[in-house]
PDB file of N, CA and C in Angstrom:
ATOM      1  N   ASN A   1      32.068 -76.947 -22.330  1.00  0.00           N
ATOM      2  CA  ASN A   1      31.806 -76.750 -23.746  1.00  0.00           C
ATOM      3  C   ASN A   1      32.287 -75.370 -24.169  1.00  0.00           C
ATOM      4  N   LEU A   2      32.837 -75.292 -25.336  1.00  0.00           N
ATOM      5  CA  LEU A   2      33.284 -74.018 -25.878  1.00  0.00           C
ATOM      6  C   LEU A   2      32.421 -73.679 -27.075  1.00  0.00           C
ATOM      7  N   ASN A   3      32.092 -72.382 -27.216  1.00  0.00           N
ATOM      8  CA  ASN A   3      31.369 -71.972 -28.409  1.00  0.00           C
ATOM      9  C   ASN A   3      32.381 -71.584 -29.485  1.00  0.00           C
ATOM     10  N   GLY A   4      31.912 -71.070 -30.583  1.00  0.00           N
ATOM     11  CA  GLY A   4      32.773 -70.764 -31.726  1.00  0.00           C
ATOM     12  C   GLY A   4      33.903 -69.790 -31.443  1.00  0.00           C
ATOM     13  N   ASN A   5      33.742 -68.844 -30.514  1.00  0.00           N
ATOM     14  CA  ASN A   5      34.794 -67.864 -30.253  1.00  0.00           C
ATOM     15  C   ASN A   5      35.675 -68.249 -29.065  1.00  0.00           C
ATOM     16  N   GLY A   6      35.560 -69.465 -28.570  1.00  0.00           N
ATOM     17  CA  GLY A   6      36.434 -69.941 -27.511  1.00  0.00           C
ATOM     18  C   GLY A   6      35.940 -69.684 -26.099  1.00  0.00           C
ATOM     19  N   ASN A   7      34.769 -69.064 -25.942  1.00  0.00           N
ATOM     20  CA  ASN A   7      34.223 -68.815 -24.606  1.00  0.00           C
ATOM     21  C   ASN A   7      33.562 -70.078 -24.061  1.00  0.00           C
ATOM     22  N   LEU A   8      33.661 -70.222 -22.778  1.00  0.00           N
ATOM     23  CA  LEU A   8      33.058 -71.373 -22.115  1.00  0.00           C
ATOM     24  C   LEU A   8      31.550 -71.179 -22.029  1.00  0.00           C
ATOM     25  N   VAL A   9      30.794 -72.176 -22.432  1.00  0.00           N
ATOM     26  CA  VAL A   9      29.335 -72.131 -22.384  1.00  0.00           C
ATOM     27  C   VAL A   9      28.877 -73.188 -21.388  1.00  0.00           C
ATOM     28  N   VAL A  10      28.093 -72.769 -20.420  1.00  0.00           N
ATOM     29  CA  VAL A  10      27.596 -73.687 -19.398  1.00  0.00           C
ATOM     30  C   VAL A  10      26.169 -74.070 -19.747  1.00  0.00           C
ATOM     31  N   ALA A  11      25.882 -75.352 -19.750  1.00  0.00           N
ATOM     32  CA  ALA A  11      24.529 -75.831 -20.042  1.00  0.00           C
ATOM     33  C   ALA A  11      23.663 -75.648 -18.807  1.00  0.00           C
ATOM     34  N   ARG A  12      22.462 -75.150 -19.006  1.00  0.00           N
ATOM     35  CA  ARG A  12      21.519 -74.979 -17.899  1.00  0.00           C
ATOM     36  C   ARG A  12      20.814 -76.289 -17.614  1.00  0.00           C
ATOM     37  N   ALA A  13      20.569 -76.518 -16.352  1.00  0.00           N
ATOM     38  CA  ALA A  13      19.784 -77.691 -15.963  1.00  0.00           C
ATOM     39  C   ALA A  13      18.324 -77.406 -16.256  1.00  0.00           C
ATOM     40  N   GLU A  14      17.570 -78.450 -16.533  1.00  0.00           N
ATOM     41  CA  GLU A  14      16.144 -78.254 -16.778  1.00  0.00           C
ATOM     42  C   GLU A  14      15.456 -77.807 -15.506  1.00  0.00           C
ATOM     43  N   GLY A  15      14.515 -76.926 -15.641  1.00  0.00           N
ATOM     44  CA  GLY A  15      13.774 -76.430 -14.485  1.00  0.00           C
ATOM     45  C   GLY A  15      13.100 -75.123 -14.844  1.00  0.00           C
ATOM     46  N   ASN A  16      12.510 -74.485 -13.859  1.00  0.00           N
ATOM     47  CA  ASN A  16      11.839 -73.221 -14.122  1.00  0.00           C
ATOM     48  C   ASN A  16      12.813 -72.060 -13.969  1.00  0.00           C
ATOM     49  N   ALA A  17      12.320 -70.846 -14.117  1.00  0.00           N
ATOM     50  CA  ALA A  17      13.183 -69.665 -14.082  1.00  0.00           C
ATOM     51  C   ALA A  17      13.888 -69.500 -12.741  1.00  0.00           C
ATOM     52  N   ALA A  18      13.292 -70.009 -11.683  1.00  0.00           N
ATOM     53  CA  ALA A  18      13.903 -69.896 -10.361  1.00  0.00           C
ATOM     54  C   ALA A  18      15.010 -70.931 -10.181  1.00  0.00           C
ATOM     55  N   GLY A  19      15.189 -71.780 -11.173  1.00  0.00           N
ATOM     56  CA  GLY A  19      16.229 -72.791 -11.090  1.00  0.00           C
ATOM     57  C   GLY A  19      15.825 -73.999 -10.271  1.00  0.00           C
ATOM     58  N   GLN A  20      14.546 -74.139 -10.031  1.00  0.00           N
ATOM     59  CA  GLN A  20      14.085 -75.262  -9.221  1.00  0.00           C
ATOM     60  C   GLN A  20      13.389 -76.281 -10.102  1.00  0.00           C
ATOM     61  N   ASN A  21      13.606 -77.514  -9.805  1.00  0.00           N
ATOM     62  CA  ASN A  21      12.928 -78.591 -10.491  1.00  0.00           C
ATOM     63  C   ASN A  21      11.487 -78.646  -9.964  1.00  0.00           C
ATOM     64  N   GLY A  22      10.536 -78.973 -10.806  1.00  0.00           N
ATOM     65  CA  GLY A  22       9.136 -79.018 -10.405  1.00  0.00           C
ATOM     66  C   GLY A  22       8.847 -79.978  -9.266  1.00  0.00           C
ATOM     67  N   ASN A  23       9.728 -80.943  -9.033  1.00  0.00           N
ATOM     68  CA  ASN A  23       9.518 -81.903  -7.952  1.00  0.00           C
ATOM     69  C   ASN A  23       9.873 -81.332  -6.592  1.00  0.00           C
ATOM     70  N   HIS A  24      10.523 -80.196  -6.545  1.00  0.00           N
ATOM     71  CA  HIS A  24      10.989 -79.661  -5.277  1.00  0.00           C
ATOM     72  C   HIS A  24      10.176 -78.476  -4.777  1.00  0.00           C
ATOM     73  N   ILE A  25       9.160 -78.070  -5.496  1.00  0.00           N
ATOM     74  CA  ILE A  25       8.349 -76.952  -5.023  1.00  0.00           C
ATOM     75  C   ILE A  25       7.064 -77.495  -4.402  1.00  0.00           C
ATOM     76  N   TRP A  26       6.639 -76.840  -3.323  1.00  0.00           N
ATOM     77  CA  TRP A  26       5.471 -77.280  -2.570  1.00  0.00           C
ATOM     78  C   TRP A  26       4.451 -76.162  -2.493  1.00  0.00           C
ATOM     79  N   CYS A  27       3.193 -76.538  -2.480  1.00  0.00           N
ATOM     80  CA  CYS A  27       2.103 -75.595  -2.288  1.00  0.00           C
ATOM     81  C   CYS A  27       1.780 -75.543  -0.802  1.00  0.00           C
ATOM     82  N   TYR A  28       1.826 -74.346  -0.220  1.00  0.00           N
ATOM     83  CA  TYR A  28       1.517 -74.199   1.199  1.00  0.00           C
ATOM     84  C   TYR A  28       0.010 -74.200   1.451  1.00  0.00           C
ATOM     85  N   ASN A  29      -0.791 -74.176   0.398  1.00  0.00           N
ATOM     86  CA  ASN A  29      -2.236 -74.193   0.547  1.00  0.00           C
ATOM     87  C   ASN A  29      -2.754 -75.629   0.664  1.00  0.00           C
ATOM     88  N   CYS A  30      -2.435 -76.468  -0.331  1.00  0.00           N
ATOM     89  CA  CYS A  30      -2.959 -77.838  -0.346  1.00  0.00           C
ATOM     90  C   CYS A  30      -1.898 -78.881  -0.028  1.00  0.00           C
ATOM     91  N   ARG A  31      -0.671 -78.452   0.191  1.00  0.00           N
ATOM     92  CA  ARG A  31       0.478 -79.324   0.463  1.00  0.00           C
ATOM     93  C   ARG A  31       0.819 -80.209  -0.733  1.00  0.00           C
ATOM     94  N   GLY A  32       0.368 -79.794  -1.919  1.00  0.00           N
ATOM     95  CA  GLY A  32       0.668 -80.537  -3.133  1.00  0.00           C
ATOM     96  C   GLY A  32       2.076 -80.244  -3.629  1.00  0.00           C
ATOM     97  N   VAL A  33       2.554 -81.077  -4.523  1.00  0.00           N
ATOM     98  CA  VAL A  33       3.894 -80.941  -5.076  1.00  0.00           C
ATOM     99  C   VAL A  33       3.787 -80.420  -6.502  1.00  0.00           C
ATOM    100  N   GLY A  34       4.725 -79.553  -6.881  1.00  0.00           N
ATOM    101  CA  GLY A  34       4.826 -79.132  -8.271  1.00  0.00           C
ATOM    102  C   GLY A  34       4.187 -77.800  -8.600  1.00  0.00           C
ATOM    103  N   HIS A  35       3.612 -77.118  -7.624  1.00  0.00           N
ATOM    104  CA  HIS A  35       3.061 -75.786  -7.884  1.00  0.00           C
ATOM    105  C   HIS A  35       3.116 -74.952  -6.612  1.00  0.00           C
ATOM    106  N   TYR A  36       3.027 -73.647  -6.786  1.00  0.00           N
ATOM    107  CA  TYR A  36       3.023 -72.712  -5.664  1.00  0.00           C
ATOM    108  C   TYR A  36       1.587 -72.414  -5.246  1.00  0.00           C
ATOM    109  N   ALA A  37       1.422 -71.893  -4.037  1.00  0.00           N
ATOM    110  CA  ALA A  37       0.087 -71.584  -3.520  1.00  0.00           C
ATOM    111  C   ALA A  37      -0.643 -70.597  -4.427  1.00  0.00           C
ATOM    112  N   ARG A  38       0.077 -69.643  -4.996  1.00  0.00           N
ATOM    113  CA  ARG A  38      -0.587 -68.651  -5.858  1.00  0.00           C
ATOM    114  C   ARG A  38      -1.167 -69.287  -7.119  1.00  0.00           C
ATOM    115  N   ASN A  39      -0.671 -70.465  -7.512  1.00  0.00           N
ATOM    116  CA  ASN A  39      -1.165 -71.166  -8.693  1.00  0.00           C
ATOM    117  C   ASN A  39      -2.098 -72.322  -8.340  1.00  0.00           C
ATOM    118  N   CYS A  40      -2.423 -72.469  -7.068  1.00  0.00           N
ATOM    119  CA  CYS A  40      -3.233 -73.589  -6.600  1.00  0.00           C
ATOM    120  C   CYS A  40      -4.688 -73.403  -7.025  1.00  0.00           C
ATOM    121  N   ILE A  41      -5.300 -74.492  -7.491  1.00  0.00           N
ATOM    122  CA  ILE A  41      -6.703 -74.410  -7.905  1.00  0.00           C
ATOM    123  C   ILE A  41      -7.652 -74.744  -6.760  1.00  0.00           C
ATOM    124  N   ILE A  42      -7.102 -75.234  -5.646  1.00  0.00           N
ATOM    125  CA  ILE A  42      -7.916 -75.545  -4.473  1.00  0.00           C
ATOM    126  C   ILE A  42      -8.063 -74.283  -3.630  1.00  0.00           C
ATOM    127  N   ARG A  43      -9.288 -73.992  -3.219  1.00  0.00           N
ATOM    128  CA  ARG A  43      -9.518 -72.784  -2.425  1.00  0.00           C
ATOM    129  C   ARG A  43      -8.806 -72.880  -1.090  1.00  0.00           C
ATOM    130  N   PRO A  44      -8.242 -71.772  -0.614  1.00  0.00           N
ATOM    131  CA  PRO A  44      -7.564 -71.809   0.687  1.00  0.00           C
ATOM    132  C   PRO A  44      -8.540 -72.144   1.810  1.00  0.00           C
ATOM    133  N   LYS A  45      -8.039 -72.857   2.809  1.00  0.00           N
ATOM    134  CA  LYS A  45      -8.872 -73.194   3.959  1.00  0.00           C
ATOM    135  C   LYS A  45      -9.055 -71.961   4.824  1.00  0.00           C
ATOM    136  N   ARG A  46     -10.240 -71.853   5.369  1.00  0.00           N
ATOM    137  CA  ARG A  46     -10.539 -70.713   6.223  1.00  0.00           C
ATOM    138  C   ARG A  46     -10.019 -70.968   7.625  1.00  0.00           C
ATOM    139  N   ARG A  47      -9.292 -70.052   8.165  1.00  0.00           N
ATOM    140  CA  ARG A  47      -8.700 -70.211   9.493  1.00  0.00           C
ATOM    141  C   ARG A  47      -9.226 -69.113  10.416  1.00  0.00           C
ATOM    142  N   ASP A  48     -10.537 -69.104  10.621  1.00  0.00           N
ATOM    143  CA  ASP A  48     -11.120 -68.082  11.487  1.00  0.00           C
ATOM    144  C   ASP A  48     -10.997 -68.498  12.955  1.00  0.00           C
ATOM    145  N   ALA A  49     -11.459 -67.649  13.849  1.00  0.00           N
ATOM    146  CA  ALA A  49     -11.310 -67.880  15.289  1.00  0.00           C
ATOM    147  C   ALA A  49     -12.027 -69.154  15.737  1.00  0.00           C
ATOM    148  N   ALA A  50     -13.208 -69.430  15.203  1.00  0.00           N
ATOM    149  CA  ALA A  50     -13.958 -70.624  15.599  1.00  0.00           C
ATOM    150  C   ALA A  50     -13.202 -71.891  15.190  1.00  0.00           C
ATOM    151  N   TYR A  51     -12.636 -71.887  13.997  1.00  0.00           N
ATOM    152  CA  TYR A  51     -11.865 -73.036  13.522  1.00  0.00           C
ATOM    153  C   TYR A  51     -10.657 -73.271  14.427  1.00  0.00           C
ATOM    154  N   LEU A  52      -9.925 -72.214  14.729  1.00  0.00           N
ATOM    155  CA  LEU A  52      -8.734 -72.336  15.566  1.00  0.00           C
ATOM    156  C   LEU A  52      -9.091 -72.789  16.983  1.00  0.00           C
ATOM    157  N   HIS A  53     -10.223 -72.303  17.503  1.00  0.00           N
ATOM    158  CA  HIS A  53     -10.671 -72.711  18.832  1.00  0.00           C
ATOM    159  C   HIS A  53     -11.002 -74.210  18.852  1.00  0.00           C
ATOM    160  N   THR A  54     -11.682 -74.676  17.817  1.00  0.00           N
ATOM    161  CA  THR A  54     -12.014 -76.098  17.713  1.00  0.00           C
ATOM    162  C   THR A  54     -10.747 -76.943  17.667  1.00  0.00           C
ATOM    163  N   GLN A  55      -9.767 -76.517  16.880  1.00  0.00           N
ATOM    164  CA  GLN A  55      -8.506 -77.256  16.786  1.00  0.00           C
ATOM    165  C   GLN A  55      -7.789 -77.295  18.135  1.00  0.00           C
ATOM    166  N   LEU A  56      -7.850 -76.185  18.871  1.00  0.00           N
ATOM    167  CA  LEU A  56      -7.223 -76.129  20.191  1.00  0.00           C
ATOM    168  C   LEU A  56      -7.890 -77.114  21.149  1.00  0.00           C
ATOM    169  N   LEU A  57      -9.227 -77.147  21.155  1.00  0.00           N
ATOM    170  CA  LEU A  57      -9.949 -78.066  22.037  1.00  0.00           C
ATOM    171  C   LEU A  57      -9.635 -79.523  21.704  1.00  0.00           C
ATOM    172  N   ILE A  58      -9.553 -79.835  20.415  1.00  0.00           N
ATOM    173  CA  ILE A  58      -9.225 -81.199  19.999  1.00  0.00           C
ATOM    174  C   ILE A  58      -7.823 -81.572  20.476  1.00  0.00           C
ATOM    175  N   ALA A  59      -6.874 -80.664  20.315  1.00  0.00           N
ATOM    176  CA  ALA A  59      -5.494 -80.925  20.744  1.00  0.00           C
ATOM    177  C   ALA A  59      -5.423 -81.119  22.252  1.00  0.00           C
ATOM    178  N   GLN A  60      -6.188 -80.319  23.002  1.00  0.00           N
ATOM    179  CA  GLN A  60      -6.189 -80.446  24.461  1.00  0.00           C
ATOM    180  C   GLN A  60      -6.790 -81.781  24.893  1.00  0.00           C
ATOM    181  N   LYS A  61      -7.867 -82.212  24.224  1.00  0.00           N
ATOM    182  CA  LYS A  61      -8.476 -83.506  24.528  1.00  0.00           C
ATOM    183  C   LYS A  61      -7.486 -84.632  24.256  1.00  0.00           C
ATOM    184  N   GLU A  62      -6.825 -84.545  23.118  1.00  0.00           N
ATOM    185  CA  GLU A  62      -5.873 -85.590  22.739  1.00  0.00           C
ATOM    186  C   GLU A  62      -4.719 -85.662  23.741  1.00  0.00           C
ATOM    187  N   GLU A  63      -4.232 -84.500  24.165  1.00  0.00           N
ATOM    188  CA  GLU A  63      -3.142 -84.442  25.142  1.00  0.00           C
ATOM    189  C   GLU A  63      -3.562 -85.034  26.484  1.00  0.00           C
ATOM    190  N   ALA A  64      -4.816 -84.808  26.869  1.00  0.00           N
ATOM    191  CA  ALA A  64      -5.320 -85.304  28.147  1.00  0.00           C
ATOM    192  C   ALA A  64      -5.679 -86.788  28.091  1.00  0.00           C
ATOM    193  N   GLY A  65      -5.586 -87.388  26.905  1.00  0.00           N
ATOM    194  CA  GLY A  65      -5.883 -88.809  26.772  1.00  0.00           C
ATOM    195  C   GLY A  65      -7.355 -89.115  26.628  1.00  0.00           C
ATOM    196  N   ILE A  66      -8.170 -88.115  26.339  1.00  0.00           N
ATOM    197  CA  ILE A  66      -9.612 -88.314  26.156  1.00  0.00           C
ATOM    198  C   ILE A  66      -9.853 -88.857  24.748  1.00  0.00           C
ATOM    199  N   GLN A  67     -10.700 -89.879  24.662  1.00  0.00           N
ATOM    200  CA  GLN A  67     -11.007 -90.497  23.374  1.00  0.00           C
ATOM    201  C   GLN A  67     -11.726 -89.492  22.475  1.00  0.00           C
ATOM    202  N   LEU A  68     -11.215 -89.311  21.266  1.00  0.00           N
ATOM    203  CA  LEU A  68     -11.832 -88.383  20.322  1.00  0.00           C
ATOM    204  C   LEU A  68     -12.949 -89.075  19.556  1.00  0.00           C
ATOM    205  N   GLN A  69     -13.953 -88.295  19.150  1.00  0.00           N
ATOM    206  CA  GLN A  69     -15.033 -88.814  18.333  1.00  0.00           C
ATOM    207  C   GLN A  69     -14.580 -88.818  16.875  1.00  0.00           C
ATOM    208  N   ALA A  70     -15.282 -89.564  16.037  1.00  0.00           N
ATOM    209  CA  ALA A  70     -14.913 -89.695  14.623  1.00  0.00           C
ATOM    210  C   ALA A  70     -14.858 -88.329  13.939  1.00  0.00           C
ATOM    211  N   GLU A  71     -15.807 -87.460  14.261  1.00  0.00           N
ATOM    212  CA  GLU A  71     -15.841 -86.122  13.649  1.00  0.00           C
ATOM    213  C   GLU A  71     -14.588 -85.323  14.011  1.00  0.00           C
ATOM    214  N   GLU A  72     -14.116 -85.490  15.236  1.00  0.00           N
ATOM    215  CA  GLU A  72     -12.919 -84.775  15.676  1.00  0.00           C
ATOM    216  C   GLU A  72     -11.674 -85.286  14.951  1.00  0.00           C
ATOM    217  N   TYR A  73     -11.621 -86.592  14.699  1.00  0.00           N
ATOM    218  CA  TYR A  73     -10.509 -87.140  13.917  1.00  0.00           C
ATOM    219  C   TYR A  73     -10.520 -86.549  12.508  1.00  0.00           C
ATOM    220  N   TYR A  74     -11.715 -86.417  11.949  1.00  0.00           N
ATOM    221  CA  TYR A  74     -11.846 -85.843  10.607  1.00  0.00           C
ATOM    222  C   TYR A  74     -11.356 -84.396  10.596  1.00  0.00           C
ATOM    223  N   LEU A  75     -11.753 -83.615  11.600  1.00  0.00           N
ATOM    224  CA  LEU A  75     -11.322 -82.218  11.675  1.00  0.00           C
ATOM    225  C   LEU A  75      -9.814 -82.110  11.859  1.00  0.00           C
ATOM    226  N   MET A  76      -9.245 -83.039  12.617  1.00  0.00           N
ATOM    227  CA  MET A  76      -7.800 -83.046  12.824  1.00  0.00           C
ATOM    228  C   MET A  76      -7.076 -83.346  11.514  1.00  0.00           C
ATOM    229  N   ALA A  77      -7.582 -84.296  10.755  1.00  0.00           N
ATOM    230  CA  ALA A  77      -6.947 -84.693   9.499  1.00  0.00           C
ATOM    231  C   ALA A  77      -7.057 -83.592   8.456  1.00  0.00           C
ATOM    232  N   ALA A  78      -8.128 -82.815   8.506  1.00  0.00           N
ATOM    233  CA  ALA A  78      -8.334 -81.753   7.521  1.00  0.00           C
ATOM    234  C   ALA A  78      -7.443 -80.551   7.788  1.00  0.00           C
ATOM    235  N   ALA A  79      -6.870 -80.456   8.959  1.00  0.00           N
ATOM    236  CA  ALA A  79      -6.056 -79.293   9.325  1.00  0.00           C
ATOM    237  C   ALA A  79      -4.733 -79.256   8.624  1.00  0.00           C
TER     238      ALA A  79
END
C-alpha cells in the first residue's frame, strides 16, 4: 500500500505491543492461555521444601512400580 506521498505503508497484524497474538502467550503460573503470569489472577503455587520432598517421594514410588494412593495422584496432578 502506498500513502499520499508515495511511501510504502505496511499494515500491522492484530496483536499486542509485543507483536504476539493472544492465543500464543502462556501463563507460567496456571498454564492458562492468553495472559502472562504477572497478570494471572490465580495465586502462585507454593513450592517449599516439604512440597518438593513430597513430589520426589511420589515420583520415586511411581518409578519403582509401587501403587499410588488416590491422594498421591491428586498431588501429582496439582503439580
